[in-house]
Every structure is written in C-alpha cells, then in structure tokens.
Protein backbone atom coordinates (compact mmCIF):
# COMPACT_ATOMS: atom_id res chain seq x y z
CA MET A 1 90.11 -12.73 13.17
CA LYS A 2 88.90 -9.36 13.89
CA GLU A 3 89.64 -8.31 10.90
CA ARG A 4 87.80 -11.41 9.15
CA LEU A 5 84.49 -10.63 10.87
CA HIS A 6 84.89 -7.29 10.09
CA ALA A 7 85.13 -7.79 6.09
CA LEU A 8 82.55 -10.45 7.07
CA ARG A 9 80.05 -7.80 8.00
CA GLU A 10 80.60 -5.73 5.31
CA HIS A 11 80.26 -8.42 2.32
CA ALA A 12 77.12 -9.19 4.14
CA LEU A 13 75.98 -5.90 4.25
CA GLU A 14 76.84 -5.04 0.65
CA LEU A 15 74.99 -8.56 -0.09
CA LEU A 16 71.96 -7.53 1.44
CA LYS A 17 71.43 -4.80 -0.10
CA GLU A 18 71.22 -6.19 -3.66
CA VAL A 19 68.38 -8.93 -2.45
CA GLY A 20 65.46 -8.85 -4.59
CA ASN A 21 63.11 -11.16 -3.42
CA GLU A 22 62.71 -13.53 0.16
CA GLN A 23 64.22 -16.68 -1.21
CA GLN A 24 67.56 -14.73 -1.56
CA LEU A 25 67.33 -13.47 1.77
CA ASN A 26 66.57 -16.68 3.29
CA ASP A 27 69.69 -18.39 0.90
CA LEU A 28 71.99 -15.31 2.33
CA ARG A 29 70.78 -15.84 5.94
CA VAL A 30 71.84 -19.56 5.72
CA ARG A 31 75.10 -18.65 4.15
CA PHE A 32 76.08 -16.04 6.77
CA LEU A 33 74.65 -17.37 10.31
CA GLY A 34 73.19 -20.91 9.86
CA LYS A 35 75.32 -23.65 11.21
CA LYS A 36 77.80 -23.93 8.87
CA GLY A 37 77.75 -20.52 7.81
CA GLU A 38 80.52 -18.17 7.18
CA LEU A 39 80.49 -16.74 11.10
CA THR A 40 80.31 -19.91 12.13
CA GLU A 41 82.95 -21.28 10.45
CA ILE A 42 84.88 -18.25 11.28
CA LEU A 43 84.21 -18.49 15.06
CA ARG A 44 85.47 -21.94 15.54
CA GLY A 45 89.42 -20.82 15.59
CA MET A 46 88.53 -19.30 18.63
CA GLY A 47 89.93 -22.82 20.40
CA GLY A 48 93.33 -21.11 19.32
CA LEU A 49 92.56 -17.82 20.86
CA SER A 50 94.27 -16.55 24.70
CA ALA A 51 92.09 -16.02 27.26
CA GLU A 52 92.38 -12.40 27.34
CA GLU A 53 91.37 -12.28 23.67
CA ARG A 54 88.04 -14.77 23.40
CA PRO A 55 86.03 -12.04 25.11
CA VAL A 56 86.83 -9.31 22.30
CA ILE A 57 86.56 -11.87 19.98
CA GLY A 58 82.95 -12.39 21.05
CA GLN A 59 81.88 -9.23 21.45
CA VAL A 60 83.03 -8.44 18.08
CA ALA A 61 81.03 -11.40 16.37
CA ASN A 62 77.94 -10.29 18.53
CA VAL A 63 78.03 -6.89 17.16
CA VAL A 64 78.59 -8.91 13.57
CA ARG A 65 75.69 -10.59 14.30
CA GLU A 66 73.43 -8.09 15.46
CA ALA A 67 74.28 -6.20 12.28
CA ILE A 68 73.64 -9.00 9.87
CA GLU A 69 69.97 -9.90 11.63
CA THR A 70 68.66 -6.42 11.99
CA SER A 71 69.30 -6.14 8.16
CA ILE A 72 67.90 -8.92 7.56
CA ASN A 73 64.59 -7.99 8.85
CA GLU A 74 64.72 -4.65 7.68
CA LYS A 75 64.82 -6.18 4.35
CA VAL A 76 61.59 -8.46 5.53
CA GLU A 77 59.82 -5.69 6.59
CA ALA A 78 60.34 -3.95 3.59
CA PHE A 79 58.91 -7.30 1.21
CA LYS A 80 55.74 -7.29 3.33
CA ARG A 81 55.52 -3.55 2.99
CA ALA A 82 55.64 -3.71 -0.74
CA GLU A 83 53.52 -7.18 -1.16
CA LEU A 84 51.03 -5.44 0.87
CA ASP A 85 51.36 -2.19 -1.80
CA ARG A 86 50.83 -4.89 -4.61
CA ARG A 87 47.96 -6.00 -2.52
CA LEU A 88 46.23 -2.49 -2.12
CA GLN A 89 46.58 -1.50 -5.79
CA SER A 90 45.82 -4.91 -7.24
CA GLU A 91 42.37 -5.15 -4.96
CA THR A 92 41.60 -1.54 -4.92
CA ILE A 93 37.63 -1.03 -5.20
CA ASP A 94 35.89 1.39 -7.16
CA VAL A 95 33.76 3.41 -5.66
CA THR A 96 32.23 4.94 -8.29
CA LEU A 97 31.16 1.81 -10.10
CA PRO A 98 27.75 1.19 -9.42
CA GLY A 99 26.87 -1.68 -6.65
CA ARG A 100 25.07 -5.35 -7.64
CA PRO A 101 21.39 -5.09 -6.84
CA MET A 102 20.64 -7.51 -4.31
CA PRO A 103 17.37 -9.49 -4.62
CA HIS A 104 14.46 -8.38 -2.34
CA GLY A 105 13.12 -11.70 -0.34
CA ALA A 106 9.36 -11.72 0.15
CA VAL A 107 6.85 -13.35 3.20
CA HIS A 108 5.66 -16.18 1.93
CA PRO A 109 1.57 -15.81 0.87
CA LEU A 110 0.70 -18.40 2.91
CA MET A 111 2.81 -17.33 6.36
CA LYS A 112 1.25 -13.38 5.55
CA VAL A 113 -2.06 -14.67 5.71
CA ILE A 114 -1.31 -17.01 9.07
CA GLN A 115 0.28 -13.86 10.23
CA GLU A 116 -2.51 -11.48 9.68
CA MET A 117 -5.26 -14.33 10.92
CA GLU A 118 -2.85 -14.42 14.25
CA ASP A 119 -2.97 -10.49 14.73
CA ILE A 120 -6.86 -10.98 13.85
CA PHE A 121 -7.55 -13.58 17.03
CA VAL A 122 -4.80 -12.35 19.38
CA GLY A 123 -6.16 -8.80 18.46
CA MET A 124 -9.38 -10.34 20.22
CA GLY A 125 -7.63 -12.01 23.37
CA TYR A 126 -7.02 -15.45 22.04
CA GLN A 127 -3.47 -17.35 22.19
CA ILE A 128 -1.36 -19.56 19.83
CA ALA A 129 -0.87 -22.77 20.65
CA GLU A 130 1.38 -25.43 18.68
CA GLY A 131 1.69 -29.25 19.14
CA PRO A 132 2.79 -31.96 17.22
CA GLU A 133 2.63 -32.76 13.50
CA VAL A 134 3.09 -36.71 14.28
CA GLU A 135 0.17 -37.23 16.53
CA THR A 136 -1.16 -40.17 18.14
CA ASP A 137 -4.68 -41.74 17.52
CA TYR A 138 -6.08 -40.67 20.67
CA TYR A 139 -5.87 -37.17 20.07
CA ASN A 140 -6.13 -36.99 16.40
CA PHE A 141 -9.75 -39.27 16.41
CA GLU A 142 -10.06 -40.59 20.46
CA ALA A 143 -10.35 -37.62 22.45
CA LEU A 144 -12.45 -35.45 19.64
CA ASN A 145 -15.34 -37.70 19.94
CA LEU A 146 -13.91 -40.34 16.75
CA PRO A 147 -13.68 -44.06 18.73
CA LYS A 148 -11.96 -46.34 16.70
CA ASN A 149 -14.01 -47.85 13.57
CA HIS A 150 -16.29 -44.87 13.90
CA PRO A 151 -17.35 -44.27 10.10
CA ALA A 152 -16.73 -40.50 9.89
CA ARG A 153 -13.10 -41.56 10.41
CA ASP A 154 -13.13 -42.01 6.81
CA MET A 155 -13.63 -38.50 5.93
CA GLN A 156 -10.01 -37.47 6.91
CA ASP A 157 -7.95 -40.29 4.97
CA SER A 158 -4.84 -40.70 6.80
CA PHE A 159 -0.72 -41.28 6.95
CA TYR A 160 -0.56 -43.89 9.78
CA ILE A 161 3.22 -44.46 10.89
CA THR A 162 2.13 -47.56 13.05
CA GLU A 163 -1.50 -48.30 14.44
CA GLU A 164 -1.30 -45.42 17.04
CA LEU A 165 0.66 -42.76 15.44
CA LEU A 166 -0.18 -40.71 11.96
CA MET A 167 0.45 -37.58 10.81
CA ARG A 168 -1.76 -35.13 12.24
CA THR A 169 -4.97 -34.86 10.21
CA HIS A 170 -6.31 -31.47 11.58
CA THR A 171 -4.92 -28.82 14.32
CA SER A 172 -7.40 -30.04 16.40
CA PRO A 173 -5.37 -32.76 18.85
CA VAL A 174 -3.66 -29.07 19.74
CA GLN A 175 -6.91 -28.29 20.82
CA VAL A 176 -6.81 -31.65 23.09
CA ARG A 177 -3.70 -30.72 24.27
CA ALA A 178 -4.26 -27.07 25.11
CA MET A 179 -7.81 -28.63 26.92
CA GLU A 180 -5.14 -30.75 29.60
CA LEU A 181 -2.85 -28.07 30.21
CA MET A 182 -5.80 -26.10 31.68
CA LYS A 183 -6.97 -28.99 34.04
CA GLY A 184 -10.62 -27.29 33.55
CA ASP A 185 -9.40 -23.97 34.49
CA VAL A 186 -11.35 -21.14 32.13
CA PRO A 187 -11.37 -19.21 30.39
CA LEU A 188 -9.44 -20.73 27.32
CA LYS A 189 -8.74 -19.01 23.76
CA VAL A 190 -6.55 -20.40 21.71
CA ILE A 191 -5.94 -20.90 17.92
CA CYS A 192 -3.72 -23.29 16.45
CA PRO A 193 -2.03 -22.90 13.27
CA GLY A 194 -0.12 -25.67 11.77
CA ARG A 195 0.85 -27.99 8.71
CA VAL A 196 -1.97 -31.35 8.25
CA TYR A 197 -1.73 -34.12 6.48
CA ARG A 198 -3.94 -36.36 4.32
CA ARG A 199 -3.76 -38.83 1.45
CA ASP A 200 -5.51 -36.43 -1.30
CA ASP A 201 -4.63 -36.15 -5.04
CA ASP A 202 -2.55 -33.25 -5.77
CA ASP A 203 -4.55 -30.59 -7.90
CA ALA A 204 -5.98 -27.35 -8.18
CA THR A 205 -7.39 -27.37 -5.09
CA HIS A 206 -6.54 -30.71 -2.91
CA SER A 207 -2.87 -31.47 -1.48
CA PHE A 208 -1.84 -34.17 0.57
CA MET A 209 -0.13 -31.02 2.71
CA PHE A 210 -1.67 -27.85 3.65
CA HIS A 211 -2.50 -25.47 6.61
CA GLN A 212 -5.11 -24.94 8.71
CA ILE A 213 -6.12 -22.75 11.80
CA GLU A 214 -8.31 -23.39 14.30
CA GLY A 215 -10.10 -22.01 17.17
CA LEU A 216 -11.27 -23.15 20.66
CA VAL A 217 -13.01 -21.27 23.09
CA ILE A 218 -14.56 -22.93 26.39
CA ASP A 219 -16.11 -20.92 29.73
CA LYS A 220 -19.42 -20.49 31.55
CA ASN A 221 -22.50 -19.02 29.27
CA ILE A 222 -20.59 -19.67 25.98
CA ARG A 223 -23.75 -19.52 23.33
CA MET A 224 -23.50 -19.43 19.63
CA SER A 225 -24.25 -16.14 18.95
CA ASP A 226 -20.53 -15.89 20.86
CA LEU A 227 -19.71 -17.97 18.25
CA LYS A 228 -21.32 -15.98 14.73
CA GLY A 229 -20.30 -12.87 16.24
CA THR A 230 -16.29 -13.86 16.23
CA LEU A 231 -16.29 -15.59 12.60
CA LEU A 232 -18.32 -12.50 11.60
CA GLN A 233 -15.56 -9.86 12.69
CA PHE A 234 -12.69 -12.63 11.15
CA VAL A 235 -14.40 -12.29 8.25
CA ARG A 236 -14.92 -8.31 7.87
CA GLU A 237 -11.21 -7.61 9.57
CA MET A 238 -10.04 -10.64 6.86
CA PHE A 239 -11.46 -9.43 3.81
CA GLY A 240 -13.36 -5.84 4.20
CA SER A 241 -16.09 -4.33 6.21
CA HIS A 242 -18.49 -4.98 3.32
CA MET A 243 -18.42 -8.92 4.12
CA GLN A 244 -21.91 -11.35 5.66
CA ILE A 245 -21.40 -14.53 6.33
CA ARG A 246 -24.29 -17.42 7.12
CA LEU A 247 -24.33 -20.70 9.14
CA ARG A 248 -25.54 -23.38 7.26
CA PRO A 249 -26.18 -27.33 9.28
CA SER A 250 -23.89 -29.39 9.59
CA PHE A 251 -22.05 -32.42 10.89
CA PHE A 252 -18.50 -32.62 12.45
CA PRO A 253 -18.42 -35.48 15.74
CA PHE A 254 -16.52 -33.05 18.17
CA THR A 255 -19.33 -30.18 17.96
CA GLU A 256 -22.98 -30.45 18.05
CA PRO A 257 -24.86 -28.17 16.59
CA SER A 258 -22.73 -27.82 13.57
CA ALA A 259 -22.33 -25.61 10.92
CA GLU A 260 -20.39 -24.50 8.04
CA VAL A 261 -20.24 -20.93 7.13
CA ASP A 262 -19.93 -19.12 4.16
CA VAL A 263 -18.63 -15.93 3.47
CA THR A 264 -20.13 -13.29 0.45
CA CYS A 265 -18.12 -14.31 -2.95
CA VAL A 266 -14.91 -12.11 -2.90
CA GLN A 267 -15.72 -11.76 -6.23
CA CYS A 268 -19.19 -10.70 -7.50
CA ALA A 269 -19.91 -9.00 -3.61
CA GLY A 270 -22.23 -11.61 -3.89
CA ASP A 271 -24.69 -10.99 -7.04
CA GLY A 272 -23.28 -13.89 -8.17
CA CYS A 273 -20.90 -15.03 -10.95
CA ARG A 274 -18.79 -17.92 -11.42
CA MET A 275 -17.06 -18.41 -9.32
CA CYS A 276 -19.75 -18.99 -6.77
CA LYS A 277 -22.09 -20.85 -8.48
CA GLN A 278 -24.58 -18.17 -9.14
CA THR A 279 -24.92 -18.10 -5.39
CA GLY A 280 -22.86 -15.45 -4.13
CA TRP A 281 -21.72 -17.54 -1.54
CA ILE A 282 -18.28 -19.46 -0.93
CA GLU A 283 -17.88 -21.88 1.69
CA ILE A 284 -14.64 -20.87 3.88
CA LEU A 285 -15.18 -23.04 7.51
CA GLY A 286 -16.48 -25.07 9.48
CA CYS A 287 -17.75 -24.81 13.31
CA GLY A 288 -19.88 -25.48 16.00
CA MET A 289 -20.89 -25.79 19.80
CA VAL A 290 -18.04 -27.98 21.69
CA HIS A 291 -19.33 -31.64 22.00
CA PRO A 292 -20.11 -32.54 25.83
CA LYS A 293 -18.20 -35.48 25.47
CA VAL A 294 -15.36 -33.96 24.03
CA LEU A 295 -15.36 -31.35 26.90
CA GLU A 296 -15.43 -33.87 29.42
CA MET A 297 -12.65 -35.56 27.49
CA GLY A 298 -10.47 -32.33 28.12
CA GLY A 299 -11.11 -32.38 31.67
CA TYR A 300 -14.19 -30.06 31.97
CA ASP A 301 -17.83 -30.62 33.28
CA PRO A 302 -20.17 -30.25 30.13
CA GLU A 303 -22.86 -29.36 32.62
CA VAL A 304 -21.12 -26.16 33.93
CA TYR A 305 -19.31 -25.29 31.08
CA SER A 306 -19.65 -25.35 27.41
CA GLY A 307 -17.47 -23.36 23.93
CA PHE A 308 -17.49 -23.38 20.60
CA ALA A 309 -14.54 -24.60 17.99
CA PHE A 310 -13.82 -23.59 14.27
CA GLY A 311 -11.52 -24.15 12.03
CA THR A 312 -10.76 -23.02 8.42
CA GLY A 313 -7.95 -24.25 5.63
CA VAL A 314 -5.23 -21.17 5.72
CA GLU A 315 -4.66 -21.84 1.21
CA ARG A 316 -8.34 -21.38 1.09
CA ILE A 317 -8.47 -18.15 2.33
CA ALA A 318 -5.23 -17.50 1.01
CA ILE A 319 -6.72 -18.46 -2.78
CA LEU A 320 -9.71 -16.01 -1.66
CA LYS A 321 -7.78 -13.16 -0.57
CA TYR A 322 -5.13 -13.05 -3.32
CA GLY A 323 -7.31 -14.56 -6.22
CA ILE A 324 -5.10 -17.28 -6.86
CA ASP A 325 -6.68 -20.03 -9.08
CA ASP A 326 -4.39 -23.22 -8.37
CA ILE A 327 -3.26 -24.57 -4.21
CA ARG A 328 -0.50 -25.81 -6.45
CA HIS A 329 1.30 -22.69 -6.71
CA PHE A 330 1.77 -22.27 -3.15
CA TYR A 331 4.25 -25.16 -3.54
CA THR A 332 6.31 -25.39 -6.71
CA ASN A 333 8.45 -21.88 -6.04
CA ASP A 334 8.07 -20.43 -8.93
CA ILE A 335 9.80 -16.98 -8.36
CA ARG A 336 7.83 -15.48 -10.82
CA PHE A 337 4.65 -16.08 -8.85
CA LEU A 338 6.31 -15.29 -5.37
CA LYS A 339 7.59 -11.91 -6.62
CA GLN A 340 4.64 -10.49 -6.60
CA PHE A 341 4.36 -10.71 -3.04
CA ASN A 342 6.96 -8.32 -2.41
CA ARG A 343 4.78 -5.35 -2.55
CA MET A 344 1.83 -6.12 -0.15
C-alpha cells in the first residue's frame, strides 16, 4: 500500500505540472482528493492492515495528501498572478494621453445676485431670515394689514391650496415671523430672500415663480431718512458709486408712508434712452415706514418703536445688472446663456 501511495503522489504531481487552467486544476483535485478520489480509494484498504501498519500508512497518506494540496495551491496562486498580469497589461493607462476636459459649472446668475445682495446687507448689520413657501393666510395677508376681502389682495393673485393655506406671494410673512421671534426686542434688522408665487402669465417680464429679497428694520427713532440712506448705499454697492435714487409716493397696505424707488438708468446713466423711456430713471423696489398696525400685530408698541421695510425682485436686479432682456432666460436652463456667467 505504501508503494501505491508513493506512485499516486508521483502521478498526481506530474499531471499537475501540465495543468493549463482552473477547470483542469479542479478536475484533478476531485480525481485525487475528492470523497471518491484515488487517495480515498487506496485508504479504504487500511481495514485489512495490522495494528502496527495502520499508523505508518496513515502518516504516509497524510504526506501524500499534503504534497498534492501544496502543488494545487501553488497552481492556484500562479493562475491568480497570471490573471493579474493580464489585467494590468490590458488595463494599462497611457499617462501621456491628453486628459478629458471636465466642464466647469457656475453659480446661477440669480444665486450670484442673491449672494451679492446678502453680502451687502450683512455688511450693514442685517441678519438673514427664512420662512416656509407654503404659508398661512394670516402671515401672508392679515398680519400685514390685509384683512379678508381687502381690495389690495387683488394686487397679488394667489395660488390657494385651501382657504387658509397658499403659496406665499411675497417674503413679507418672514418679516412677521421674525417680529414674533424677537418678542418685542430691538434692534431688529433682517433681510428675507426666497421664492414667491403669483398667478402671472409667463412673458419677458413676468413669471408665476420669482425671487424676492425684503428687508425690515425696527428700533426706536427710525426715520424715513434712515430708509433712504440704506437704499442709496445698497444701490451704489450693487450698481456703482455714481448711482442715484429717487423716492416717489406710493401705496402699500403694510407701510405708511410708502414709496416706489427709482434708480439712475444703468444703460444711459440718466441721459434718457429706450430702456428708461427717456426719463433717465428705472423703478427697482417698493418701500416705506412700517404701518403701526403691522408693528402692533408683530408685538411692538407703535408709540415707542418705528421701522422701515423694503422689497425688490431679484430677477429685476439681475436684469439691470447683467443687461438681460428676458426673464425666461433664468429658468430655461440654456447652457449657452448660463455659461456666460463662468467668468463673472
């Protein structure tokens, strides 16, 4: 039996030298070491051996098994190295080839304008406040001196979800929420950027969704002159130090007195052109002193405190700043339009 085991070992090692793939290797493993393999077949004859011969034959069988397994494992490692070498050769990267250029993105022009406006007002000591876009009728209208059935509500044709919920028509509700959070403390200086929604038909100057930035200041002894100085500083930082503003009387339910603000025409510098209809001025925002009723509903005593508020459309500022002729360019995702702002 010992001679048969040695012969089996030599035969198996010879065959393993000629193995060319993993399938052949697995077939030989089963042939020699499997449950019905040749080694097992020889060992079944150990029952006829004497008690002295069995340990000797068992030791020889273990040596034979170990030799065959070692040879098989070496072949497995050799196949793995060969496969790795093949992959390295086939997947070699030619570092001398030019790289594929990756297109650079850019901040959207509306976001650029919002960030610039935020930087200007934060530099004046304002904080940035945000609020929900789905708003209650109370915050969107009633707390701003627009009770139900007030005719001024028609100025903002609204998207109602229920009788008491709507898509906010301006960011003024954020001002009300900011007043409530302050609980009558001063000074309150916030700007409120965000999207707003109105039932407008889309055209070159209107959209059902657009962006606003509104501002609110409340403290003791706040005057109209403070409002004018703030807006003049903003306009000059946004458009240039040569810019001027003028205030025209107007009406808003939440401010009294109220004004529309015009700026020097950015195209003709005030000389008069088609853009400003030969007036030299372009309207950019509305403003005014906070109405006493709004102060009172926000938790402030109008006999002690006063404030001013203003609001402007971001798209309008962007159109003037970048000379854009159609508001729809901001929303159509035309890469030819957007890539112009990579350099700005």
